[in-house]
């Protein structure tokens, strides 16, 4: 990635072309679906020591959430020519616990969701799903610790209002899928709802 992209969080044409795309929007039974257990696609592959790792780190920890917005928008521009967003009525970003939200000042997944929303016109909702347990960051956990770390971490407010909705759940990075599966488990309270998952990145 060029320095202009890293520092200013904009997408130059050269950087757009060099992004490590997964092409999962056109692939069923892809690696993201396998770990989250429902229809899903990641936009980019994530590898340590790759420039994308630096982008994600800056987006999450260096007060550059607009990176998420730009990448979410770019993903939607490319994926709108597939059937991935068909019939989706609502976009819900994976929430942060209020304590972490105060510490960070923003939810990077919400920025990704709003980038997707701008292109697709699908509204973003941040009121129905809450993170009710403050947990250590998943990146600091491994194996069974990740599963226990996010167990019962989410709750749905007024699930009846999501009755039979087709919901796109958005996260920044899927590694083992434990966070997303925990969120999906909580959202099963929404009777008749259908879920699709978008991840900005999927760890190889």
Foldseek 3Di string as FASTA:
>chain_A
DDPCCLPVVADDPVNVVPFAAPPCLPPPPDPVCVQQVAAEDAGGADDPPDVVVSLVCCCQPVPCLLNLLNLLLVSLVVSVVGCNCPQAAEEEEQDAAPVVCVVRVHASQVSSVVSNCVNPVHYYDHPFKHFQDHFPDLVVDDDVCSLVRCAVRMATDPLQVCALHEYEYEEAEDENNNNSNNRVVRSPVNHNYHYYYYYNYYYD
